[in-house]
PDB file of N, CA and C in Angstrom:
ATOM      1  N   ASN A   1      81.906  85.744  90.136  1.00  0.00           N
ATOM      2  CA  ASN A   1      82.612  86.969  89.835  1.00  0.00           C
ATOM      3  C   ASN A   1      82.083  87.611  88.563  1.00  0.00           C
ATOM      4  N   ASP A   2      80.804  87.842  88.517  1.00  0.00           N
ATOM      5  CA  ASP A   2      80.209  88.461  87.345  1.00  0.00           C
ATOM      6  C   ASP A   2      80.348  89.978  87.370  1.00  0.00           C
ATOM      7  N   LEU A   3      80.369  90.569  88.551  1.00  0.00           N
ATOM      8  CA  LEU A   3      80.414  92.016  88.678  1.00  0.00           C
ATOM      9  C   LEU A   3      81.823  92.471  89.029  1.00  0.00           C
ATOM     10  N   LYS A   4      82.305  93.496  88.323  1.00  0.00           N
ATOM     11  CA  LYS A   4      83.654  94.004  88.572  1.00  0.00           C
ATOM     12  C   LYS A   4      83.677  94.876  89.821  1.00  0.00           C
ATOM     13  N   PRO A   5      84.815  94.882  90.503  1.00  0.00           N
ATOM     14  CA  PRO A   5      84.959  95.798  91.636  1.00  0.00           C
ATOM     15  C   PRO A   5      85.014  97.237  91.124  1.00  0.00           C
ATOM     16  N   THR A   6      84.761  98.161  92.013  1.00  0.00           N
ATOM     17  CA  THR A   6      84.838  99.579  91.672  1.00  0.00           C
ATOM     18  C   THR A   6      85.835 100.257  92.606  1.00  0.00           C
ATOM     19  N   ALA A   7      86.377 101.347  92.142  1.00  0.00           N
ATOM     20  CA  ALA A   7      87.304 102.125  92.964  1.00  0.00           C
ATOM     21  C   ALA A   7      87.291 103.566  92.501  1.00  0.00           C
ATOM     22  N   THR A   8      87.575 104.449  93.429  1.00  0.00           N
ATOM     23  CA  THR A   8      87.649 105.871  93.145  1.00  0.00           C
ATOM     24  C   THR A   8      88.882 106.425  93.839  1.00  0.00           C
ATOM     25  N   GLY A   9      89.602 107.280  93.133  1.00  0.00           N
ATOM     26  CA  GLY A   9      90.737 107.980  93.719  1.00  0.00           C
ATOM     27  C   GLY A   9      90.413 109.455  93.852  1.00  0.00           C
ATOM     28  N   TYR A  10      90.891 110.061  94.916  1.00  0.00           N
ATOM     29  CA  TYR A  10      90.629 111.471  95.190  1.00  0.00           C
ATOM     30  C   TYR A  10      91.947 112.236  95.213  1.00  0.00           C
ATOM     31  N   PRO A  11      92.003 113.388  94.556  1.00  0.00           N
ATOM     32  CA  PRO A  11      93.239 114.181  94.573  1.00  0.00           C
ATOM     33  C   PRO A  11      93.460 114.814  95.944  1.00  0.00           C
ATOM     34  N   GLY A  12      94.670 115.193  96.184  1.00  0.00           N
ATOM     35  CA  GLY A  12      94.976 115.854  97.445  1.00  0.00           C
ATOM     36  C   GLY A  12      96.300 116.573  97.371  1.00  0.00           C
ATOM     37  N   THR A  13      96.564 117.363  98.375  1.00  0.00           N
ATOM     38  CA  THR A  13      97.832 118.077  98.500  1.00  0.00           C
ATOM     39  C   THR A  13      98.553 117.535  99.729  1.00  0.00           C
ATOM     40  N   ILE A  14      99.797 117.157  99.517  1.00  0.00           N
ATOM     41  CA  ILE A  14     100.619 116.631 100.604  1.00  0.00           C
ATOM     42  C   ILE A  14     101.853 117.524 100.708  1.00  0.00           C
ATOM     43  N   LEU A  15     102.095 118.060 101.861  1.00  0.00           N
ATOM     44  CA  LEU A  15     103.223 118.958 102.052  1.00  0.00           C
ATOM     45  C   LEU A  15     104.534 118.189 102.121  1.00  0.00           C
ATOM     46  N   SER A  16     105.611 118.882 101.845  1.00  0.00           N
ATOM     47  CA  SER A  16     106.940 118.291 101.910  1.00  0.00           C
ATOM     48  C   SER A  16     107.175 117.695 103.296  1.00  0.00           C
ATOM     49  N   GLY A  17     107.586 116.440 103.323  1.00  0.00           N
ATOM     50  CA  GLY A  17     107.870 115.765 104.581  1.00  0.00           C
ATOM     51  C   GLY A  17     106.656 115.256 105.331  1.00  0.00           C
ATOM     52  N   GLU A  18     105.459 115.576 104.853  1.00  0.00           N
ATOM     53  CA  GLU A  18     104.230 115.132 105.511  1.00  0.00           C
ATOM     54  C   GLU A  18     103.904 113.701 105.089  1.00  0.00           C
ATOM     55  N   SER A  19     103.286 112.947 105.975  1.00  0.00           N
ATOM     56  CA  SER A  19     102.794 111.625 105.595  1.00  0.00           C
ATOM     57  C   SER A  19     101.285 111.592 105.776  1.00  0.00           C
ATOM     58  N   VAL A  20     100.623 110.838 104.896  1.00  0.00           N
ATOM     59  CA  VAL A  20      99.170 110.703 104.945  1.00  0.00           C
ATOM     60  C   VAL A  20      98.813 109.228 104.758  1.00  0.00           C
ATOM     61  N   LYS A  21      97.646 108.860 105.237  1.00  0.00           N
ATOM     62  CA  LYS A  21      97.128 107.509 105.017  1.00  0.00           C
ATOM     63  C   LYS A  21      96.555 107.440 103.605  1.00  0.00           C
ATOM     64  N   PHE A  22      97.032 106.499 102.811  1.00  0.00           N
ATOM     65  CA  PHE A  22      96.562 106.364 101.433  1.00  0.00           C
ATOM     66  C   PHE A  22      95.065 106.069 101.397  1.00  0.00           C
ATOM     67  N   GLN A  23      94.550 105.380 102.397  1.00  0.00           N
ATOM     68  CA  GLN A  23      93.127 105.039 102.422  1.00  0.00           C
ATOM     69  C   GLN A  23      92.225 106.272 102.459  1.00  0.00           C
ATOM     70  N   ASP A  24      92.770 107.421 102.873  1.00  0.00           N
ATOM     71  CA  ASP A  24      91.989 108.655 102.889  1.00  0.00           C
ATOM     72  C   ASP A  24      91.766 109.224 101.491  1.00  0.00           C
ATOM     73  N   TYR A  25      92.480 108.676 100.487  1.00  0.00           N
ATOM     74  CA  TYR A  25      92.408 109.199  99.128  1.00  0.00           C
ATOM     75  C   TYR A  25      91.807 108.215  98.129  1.00  0.00           C
ATOM     76  N   ILE A  26      91.385 107.053  98.611  1.00  0.00           N
ATOM     77  CA  ILE A  26      90.789 106.070  97.701  1.00  0.00           C
ATOM     78  C   ILE A  26      89.611 105.381  98.370  1.00  0.00           C
ATOM     79  N   GLN A  27      88.782 104.794  97.523  1.00  0.00           N
ATOM     80  CA  GLN A  27      87.678 103.975  98.008  1.00  0.00           C
ATOM     81  C   GLN A  27      87.551 102.798  97.054  1.00  0.00           C
ATOM     82  N   ALA A  28      87.454 101.597  97.593  1.00  0.00           N
ATOM     83  CA  ALA A  28      87.330 100.386  96.781  1.00  0.00           C
ATOM     84  C   ALA A  28      86.166  99.553  97.304  1.00  0.00           C
ATOM     85  N   ASN A  29      85.455  98.923  96.376  1.00  0.00           N
ATOM     86  CA  ASN A  29      84.281  98.143  96.761  1.00  0.00           C
ATOM     87  C   ASN A  29      84.101  96.984  95.781  1.00  0.00           C
ATOM     88  N   ASP A  30      83.635  95.872  96.301  1.00  0.00           N
ATOM     89  CA  ASP A  30      83.276  94.747  95.445  1.00  0.00           C
ATOM     90  C   ASP A  30      81.804  94.430  95.684  1.00  0.00           C
ATOM     91  N   PRO A  31      80.958  94.536  94.643  1.00  0.00           N
ATOM     92  CA  PRO A  31      79.521  94.311  94.825  1.00  0.00           C
ATOM     93  C   PRO A  31      79.171  92.894  95.265  1.00  0.00           C
ATOM     94  N   GLU A  32      80.109  91.952  95.081  1.00  0.00           N
ATOM     95  CA  GLU A  32      79.864  90.564  95.483  1.00  0.00           C
ATOM     96  C   GLU A  32      80.582  90.217  96.793  1.00  0.00           C
ATOM     97  N   ASN A  33      81.163  91.230  97.430  1.00  0.00           N
ATOM     98  CA  ASN A  33      81.875  91.057  98.706  1.00  0.00           C
ATOM     99  C   ASN A  33      83.042  90.071  98.634  1.00  0.00           C
ATOM    100  N   ASN A  34      83.690  89.996  97.474  1.00  0.00           N
ATOM    101  CA  ASN A  34      84.907  89.196  97.350  1.00  0.00           C
ATOM    102  C   ASN A  34      86.058  89.937  98.016  1.00  0.00           C
ATOM    103  N   LEU A  35      87.055  89.199  98.478  1.00  0.00           N
ATOM    104  CA  LEU A  35      88.260  89.807  99.023  1.00  0.00           C
ATOM    105  C   LEU A  35      88.989  90.520  97.893  1.00  0.00           C
ATOM    106  N   LEU A  36      89.241  91.800  98.065  1.00  0.00           N
ATOM    107  CA  LEU A  36      89.909  92.580  97.033  1.00  0.00           C
ATOM    108  C   LEU A  36      91.402  92.665  97.284  1.00  0.00           C
ATOM    109  N   LYS A  37      92.153  92.617  96.212  1.00  0.00           N
ATOM    110  CA  LYS A  37      93.588  92.880  96.223  1.00  0.00           C
ATOM    111  C   LYS A  37      93.799  94.233  95.555  1.00  0.00           C
ATOM    112  N   MET A  38      94.875  94.880  95.919  1.00  0.00           N
ATOM    113  CA  MET A  38      95.198  96.163  95.324  1.00  0.00           C
ATOM    114  C   MET A  38      96.673  96.186  94.965  1.00  0.00           C
ATOM    115  N   ARG A  39      96.951  96.688  93.761  1.00  0.00           N
ATOM    116  CA  ARG A  39      98.322  96.949  93.338  1.00  0.00           C
ATOM    117  C   ARG A  39      98.481  98.459  93.271  1.00  0.00           C
ATOM    118  N   ILE A  40      99.585  98.962  93.803  1.00  0.00           N
ATOM    119  CA  ILE A  40      99.823 100.400  93.910  1.00  0.00           C
ATOM    120  C   ILE A  40     101.214 100.709  93.355  1.00  0.00           C
ATOM    121  N   ILE A  41     101.328 101.862  92.690  1.00  0.00           N
ATOM    122  CA  ILE A  41     102.637 102.284  92.182  1.00  0.00           C
ATOM    123  C   ILE A  41     102.801 103.787  92.351  1.00  0.00           C
ATOM    124  N   ASP A  42     104.002 104.186  92.736  1.00  0.00           N
ATOM    125  CA  ASP A  42     104.419 105.585  92.720  1.00  0.00           C
ATOM    126  C   ASP A  42     105.102 105.772  91.372  1.00  0.00           C
ATOM    127  N   ARG A  43     104.492 106.555  90.500  1.00  0.00           N
ATOM    128  CA  ARG A  43     104.970 106.643  89.121  1.00  0.00           C
ATOM    129  C   ARG A  43     106.167 107.568  88.943  1.00  0.00           C
ATOM    130  N   ILE A  44     106.528 108.317  89.969  1.00  0.00           N
ATOM    131  CA  ILE A  44     107.699 109.199  89.889  1.00  0.00           C
ATOM    132  C   ILE A  44     108.849 108.498  90.611  1.00  0.00           C
ATOM    133  N   ASN A  45     109.958 108.334  89.908  1.00  0.00           N
ATOM    134  CA  ASN A  45     111.084 107.586  90.461  1.00  0.00           C
ATOM    135  C   ASN A  45     112.318 108.474  90.509  1.00  0.00           C
ATOM    136  N   ASN A  46     112.424 109.287  91.576  1.00  0.00           N
ATOM    137  CA  ASN A  46     113.656 110.038  91.798  1.00  0.00           C
ATOM    138  C   ASN A  46     113.826 110.280  93.293  1.00  0.00           C
ATOM    139  N   VAL A  47     115.024 110.612  93.704  1.00  0.00           N
ATOM    140  CA  VAL A  47     115.340 110.698  95.132  1.00  0.00           C
ATOM    141  C   VAL A  47     114.592 111.805  95.856  1.00  0.00           C
ATOM    142  N   ASN A  48     114.082 112.808  95.143  1.00  0.00           N
ATOM    143  CA  ASN A  48     113.385 113.919  95.778  1.00  0.00           C
ATOM    144  C   ASN A  48     111.877 113.758  95.802  1.00  0.00           C
ATOM    145  N   SER A  49     111.351 112.721  95.161  1.00  0.00           N
ATOM    146  CA  SER A  49     109.900 112.568  95.104  1.00  0.00           C
ATOM    147  C   SER A  49     109.380 111.815  96.331  1.00  0.00           C
ATOM    148  N   GLY A  50     108.061 111.805  96.470  1.00  0.00           N
ATOM    149  CA  GLY A  50     107.442 111.091  97.577  1.00  0.00           C
ATOM    150  C   GLY A  50     107.525 109.585  97.390  1.00  0.00           C
ATOM    151  N   TYR A  51     107.062 108.857  98.406  1.00  0.00           N
ATOM    152  CA  TYR A  51     107.113 107.402  98.323  1.00  0.00           C
ATOM    153  C   TYR A  51     106.063 106.780  99.236  1.00  0.00           C
ATOM    154  N   PHE A  52     105.742 105.520  98.959  1.00  0.00           N
ATOM    155  CA  PHE A  52     104.825 104.741  99.791  1.00  0.00           C
ATOM    156  C   PHE A  52     105.598 103.962 100.844  1.00  0.00           C
ATOM    157  N   SER A  53     104.918 103.706 101.939  1.00  0.00           N
ATOM    158  CA  SER A  53     105.442 102.858 103.006  1.00  0.00           C
ATOM    159  C   SER A  53     104.307 101.927 103.439  1.00  0.00           C
ATOM    160  N   VAL A  54     104.623 100.646 103.617  1.00  0.00           N
ATOM    161  CA  VAL A  54     103.642  99.674 104.101  1.00  0.00           C
ATOM    162  C   VAL A  54     104.126  99.143 105.435  1.00  0.00           C
ATOM    163  N   ASN A  55     103.357  99.442 106.470  1.00  0.00           N
ATOM    164  CA  ASN A  55     103.709  99.012 107.821  1.00  0.00           C
ATOM    165  C   ASN A  55     105.133  99.432 108.190  1.00  0.00           C
ATOM    166  N   GLY A  56     105.501 100.657 107.763  1.00  0.00           N
ATOM    167  CA  GLY A  56     106.813 101.205 108.091  1.00  0.00           C
ATOM    168  C   GLY A  56     107.933 100.845 107.141  1.00  0.00           C
ATOM    169  N   VAL A  57     107.663 100.035 106.126  1.00  0.00           N
ATOM    170  CA  VAL A  57     108.699  99.614 105.176  1.00  0.00           C
ATOM    171  C   VAL A  57     108.512 100.390 103.867  1.00  0.00           C
ATOM    172  N   ALA A  58     109.522 101.202 103.496  1.00  0.00           N
ATOM    173  CA  ALA A  58     109.450 101.983 102.255  1.00  0.00           C
ATOM    174  C   ALA A  58     109.351 101.048 101.047  1.00  0.00           C
ATOM    175  N   GLN A  59     108.484 101.412 100.112  1.00  0.00           N
ATOM    176  CA  GLN A  59     108.313 100.631  98.890  1.00  0.00           C
ATOM    177  C   GLN A  59     109.154 101.246  97.774  1.00  0.00           C
ATOM    178  N   THR A  60     109.629 100.431  96.867  1.00  0.00           N
ATOM    179  CA  THR A  60     110.477 100.886  95.773  1.00  0.00           C
ATOM    180  C   THR A  60     109.663 101.742  94.804  1.00  0.00           C
ATOM    181  N   GLN A  61     110.161 102.933  94.531  1.00  0.00           N
ATOM    182  CA  GLN A  61     109.494 103.821  93.590  1.00  0.00           C
ATOM    183  C   GLN A  61     109.524 103.212  92.193  1.00  0.00           C
ATOM    184  N   GLY A  62     108.460 103.447  91.435  1.00  0.00           N
ATOM    185  CA  GLY A  62     108.410 102.971  90.060  1.00  0.00           C
ATOM    186  C   GLY A  62     108.111 101.488  89.920  1.00  0.00           C
ATOM    187  N   GLN A  63     107.795 100.799  91.021  1.00  0.00           N
ATOM    188  CA  GLN A  63     107.461  99.375  90.962  1.00  0.00           C
ATOM    189  C   GLN A  63     106.146  99.136  91.684  1.00  0.00           C
ATOM    190  N   TRP A  64     105.316  98.282  91.088  1.00  0.00           N
ATOM    191  CA  TRP A  64     104.052  97.921  91.715  1.00  0.00           C
ATOM    192  C   TRP A  64     104.303  97.123  92.984  1.00  0.00           C
ATOM    193  N   PHE A  65     103.466  97.328  93.994  1.00  0.00           N
ATOM    194  CA  PHE A  65     103.443  96.438  95.148  1.00  0.00           C
ATOM    195  C   PHE A  65     101.982  96.076  95.404  1.00  0.00           C
ATOM    196  N   GLU A  66     101.754  94.934  96.024  1.00  0.00           N
ATOM    197  CA  GLU A  66     100.395  94.402  96.190  1.00  0.00           C
ATOM    198  C   GLU A  66     100.051  94.226  97.666  1.00  0.00           C
ATOM    199  N   ILE A  67      98.800  94.535  97.989  1.00  0.00           N
ATOM    200  CA  ILE A  67      98.281  94.329  99.336  1.00  0.00           C
ATOM    201  C   ILE A  67      96.852  93.818  99.245  1.00  0.00           C
ATOM    202  N   ASP A  68      96.349  93.266 100.329  1.00  0.00           N
ATOM    203  CA  ASP A  68      94.915  93.035 100.461  1.00  0.00           C
ATOM    204  C   ASP A  68      94.292  94.376 100.826  1.00  0.00           C
ATOM    205  N   VAL A  69      93.105  94.661 100.327  1.00  0.00           N
ATOM    206  CA  VAL A  69      92.476  95.948 100.605  1.00  0.00           C
ATOM    207  C   VAL A  69      92.299  96.171 102.112  1.00  0.00           C
ATOM    208  N   ASN A  70      92.126  95.084 102.865  1.00  0.00           N
ATOM    209  CA  ASN A  70      91.972  95.262 104.313  1.00  0.00           C
ATOM    210  C   ASN A  70      93.278  95.689 104.988  1.00  0.00           C
ATOM    211  N   GLN A  71      94.374  95.797 104.245  1.00  0.00           N
ATOM    212  CA  GLN A  71      95.654  96.291 104.769  1.00  0.00           C
ATOM    213  C   GLN A  71      95.868  97.780 104.472  1.00  0.00           C
ATOM    214  N   LEU A  72      94.889  98.446 103.875  1.00  0.00           N
ATOM    215  CA  LEU A  72      95.065  99.840 103.482  1.00  0.00           C
ATOM    216  C   LEU A  72      95.463 100.748 104.642  1.00  0.00           C
ATOM    217  N   SER A  73      95.021 100.447 105.831  1.00  0.00           N
ATOM    218  CA  SER A  73      95.366 101.290 106.978  1.00  0.00           C
ATOM    219  C   SER A  73      96.869 101.282 107.252  1.00  0.00           C
ATOM    220  N   GLN A  74      97.599 100.325 106.684  1.00  0.00           N
ATOM    221  CA  GLN A  74      99.047 100.218 106.883  1.00  0.00           C
ATOM    222  C   GLN A  74      99.843 100.958 105.809  1.00  0.00           C
ATOM    223  N   VAL A  75      99.151 101.535 104.816  1.00  0.00           N
ATOM    224  CA  VAL A  75      99.824 102.188 103.691  1.00  0.00           C
ATOM    225  C   VAL A  75      99.851 103.702 103.908  1.00  0.00           C
ATOM    226  N   ASP A  76     101.058 104.252 103.982  1.00  0.00           N
ATOM    227  CA  ASP A  76     101.250 105.692 104.115  1.00  0.00           C
ATOM    228  C   ASP A  76     101.934 106.215 102.857  1.00  0.00           C
ATOM    229  N   TYR A  77     101.684 107.492 102.567  1.00  0.00           N
ATOM    230  CA  TYR A  77     102.403 108.153 101.480  1.00  0.00           C
ATOM    231  C   TYR A  77     103.137 109.342 102.076  1.00  0.00           C
ATOM    232  N   TYR A  78     104.425 109.451 101.781  1.00  0.00           N
ATOM    233  CA  TYR A  78     105.266 110.524 102.287  1.00  0.00           C
ATOM    234  C   TYR A  78     105.519 111.520 101.159  1.00  0.00           C
ATOM    235  N   GLY A  79     105.252 112.794 101.434  1.00  0.00           N
ATOM    236  CA  GLY A  79     105.408 113.845 100.429  1.00  0.00           C
ATOM    237  C   GLY A  79     106.849 114.015  99.974  1.00  0.00           C
ATOM    238  N   ALA A  80     106.994 114.610  98.803  1.00  0.00           N
ATOM    239  CA  ALA A  80     108.303 114.853  98.209  1.00  0.00           C
ATOM    240  C   ALA A  80     109.130 115.811  99.065  1.00  0.00           C
ATOM    241  N   LYS A  81     110.443 115.766  98.887  1.00  0.00           N
ATOM    242  CA  LYS A  81     111.332 116.673  99.610  1.00  0.00           C
ATOM    243  C   LYS A  81     111.126 118.122  99.160  1.00  0.00           C
ATOM    244  N   ASN A  82     110.812 118.303  97.890  1.00  0.00           N
ATOM    245  CA  ASN A  82     110.574 119.629  97.323  1.00  0.00           C
ATOM    246  C   ASN A  82     109.172 119.640  96.705  1.00  0.00           C
ATOM    247  N   ALA A  83     108.584 120.817  96.608  1.00  0.00           N
ATOM    248  CA  ALA A  83     107.253 120.928  96.004  1.00  0.00           C
ATOM    249  C   ALA A  83     107.297 120.466  94.551  1.00  0.00           C
ATOM    250  N   GLN A  84     106.434 119.519  94.193  1.00  0.00           N
ATOM    251  CA  GLN A  84     106.352 119.007  92.830  1.00  0.00           C
ATOM    252  C   GLN A  84     105.086 118.178  92.696  1.00  0.00           C
ATOM    253  N   ALA A  85     104.673 117.952  91.460  1.00  0.00           N
ATOM    254  CA  ALA A  85     103.524 117.087  91.201  1.00  0.00           C
ATOM    255  C   ALA A  85     103.956 115.635  91.409  1.00  0.00           C
ATOM    256  N   GLU A  86     103.066 114.855  91.981  1.00  0.00           N
ATOM    257  CA  GLU A  86     103.308 113.433  92.186  1.00  0.00           C
ATOM    258  C   GLU A  86     102.228 112.655  91.442  1.00  0.00           C
ATOM    259  N   TYR A  87     102.571 111.489  90.939  1.00  0.00           N
ATOM    260  CA  TYR A  87     101.621 110.663  90.202  1.00  0.00           C
ATOM    261  C   TYR A  87     101.653 109.242  90.742  1.00  0.00           C
ATOM    262  N   VAL A  88     100.503 108.768  91.169  1.00  0.00           N
ATOM    263  CA  VAL A  88     100.378 107.393  91.639  1.00  0.00           C
ATOM    264  C   VAL A  88      99.248 106.737  90.870  1.00  0.00           C
ATOM    265  N   ALA A  89      99.244 105.436  90.861  1.00  0.00           N
ATOM    266  CA  ALA A  89      98.167 104.680  90.225  1.00  0.00           C
ATOM    267  C   ALA A  89      97.892 103.455  91.073  1.00  0.00           C
ATOM    268  N   PHE A  90      96.681 102.920  90.921  1.00  0.00           N
ATOM    269  CA  PHE A  90      96.366 101.681  91.626  1.00  0.00           C
ATOM    270  C   PHE A  90      95.391 100.855  90.817  1.00  0.00           C
ATOM    271  N   GLN A  91      95.447  99.561  91.051  1.00  0.00           N
ATOM    272  CA  GLN A  91      94.532  98.597  90.452  1.00  0.00           C
ATOM    273  C   GLN A  91      93.825  97.871  91.580  1.00  0.00           C
ATOM    274  N   VAL A  92      92.546  97.603  91.385  1.00  0.00           N
ATOM    275  CA  VAL A  92      91.779  96.800  92.328  1.00  0.00           C
ATOM    276  C   VAL A  92      91.282  95.582  91.568  1.00  0.00           C
ATOM    277  N   PHE A  93      91.422  94.402  92.170  1.00  0.00           N
ATOM    278  CA  PHE A  93      90.925  93.208  91.488  1.00  0.00           C
ATOM    279  C   PHE A  93      90.430  92.187  92.495  1.00  0.00           C
ATOM    280  N   ASP A  94      89.521  91.343  92.024  1.00  0.00           N
ATOM    281  CA  ASP A  94      88.872  90.353  92.879  1.00  0.00           C
ATOM    282  C   ASP A  94      89.199  88.930  92.471  1.00  0.00           C
ATOM    283  N   GLY A  95      90.310  88.756  91.773  1.00  0.00           N
ATOM    284  CA  GLY A  95      90.699  87.427  91.336  1.00  0.00           C
ATOM    285  C   GLY A  95      90.423  87.188  89.863  1.00  0.00           C
ATOM    286  N   THR A  96      89.751  88.125  89.220  1.00  0.00           N
ATOM    287  CA  THR A  96      89.506  88.021  87.781  1.00  0.00           C
ATOM    288  C   THR A  96      90.305  89.112  87.091  1.00  0.00           C
ATOM    289  N   SER A  97      89.666  90.001  86.379  1.00  0.00           N
ATOM    290  CA  SER A  97      90.401  91.039  85.660  1.00  0.00           C
ATOM    291  C   SER A  97      90.553  92.300  86.506  1.00  0.00           C
ATOM    292  N   PRO A  98      91.771  92.898  86.518  1.00  0.00           N
ATOM    293  CA  PRO A  98      91.973  94.122  87.292  1.00  0.00           C
ATOM    294  C   PRO A  98      91.328  95.319  86.610  1.00  0.00           C
ATOM    295  N   VAL A  99      91.033  96.312  87.419  1.00  0.00           N
ATOM    296  CA  VAL A  99      90.509  97.570  86.923  1.00  0.00           C
ATOM    297  C   VAL A  99      91.557  98.638  87.273  1.00  0.00           C
ATOM    298  N   LEU A 100      92.082  99.341  86.277  1.00  0.00           N
ATOM    299  CA  LEU A 100      93.127 100.310  86.515  1.00  0.00           C
ATOM    300  C   LEU A 100      92.555 101.691  86.772  1.00  0.00           C
ATOM    301  N   PHE A 101      93.069 102.345  87.793  1.00  0.00           N
ATOM    302  CA  PHE A 101      92.695 103.723  88.093  1.00  0.00           C
ATOM    303  C   PHE A 101      93.969 104.532  88.237  1.00  0.00           C
ATOM    304  N   VAL A 102      93.989 105.705  87.666  1.00  0.00           N
ATOM    305  CA  VAL A 102      95.178 106.560  87.743  1.00  0.00           C
ATOM    306  C   VAL A 102      94.824 107.816  88.501  1.00  0.00           C
TER     307      VAL A 102
END
């Protein structure tokens, strides 16, 4: 584990009530082909903001949740009830030190 994993996040617009696949907005890679883990957080915690869902189960806003990167296809993001800015963050790690991306 000499080489750190890399990740990139892409901005996007999500309409009220719309859901999108989170994997369409991020890219993660490990140069040593280690199994990557990802921690994700919805940084806005109120009843009108958007939220993450993993395999149909809503995740608690304002709290990190963890998945294997190969589970990204199961992660959806649902837009806020009203138009507003949303802030999410994620970490990618390969068993050593995490790399934070906002």
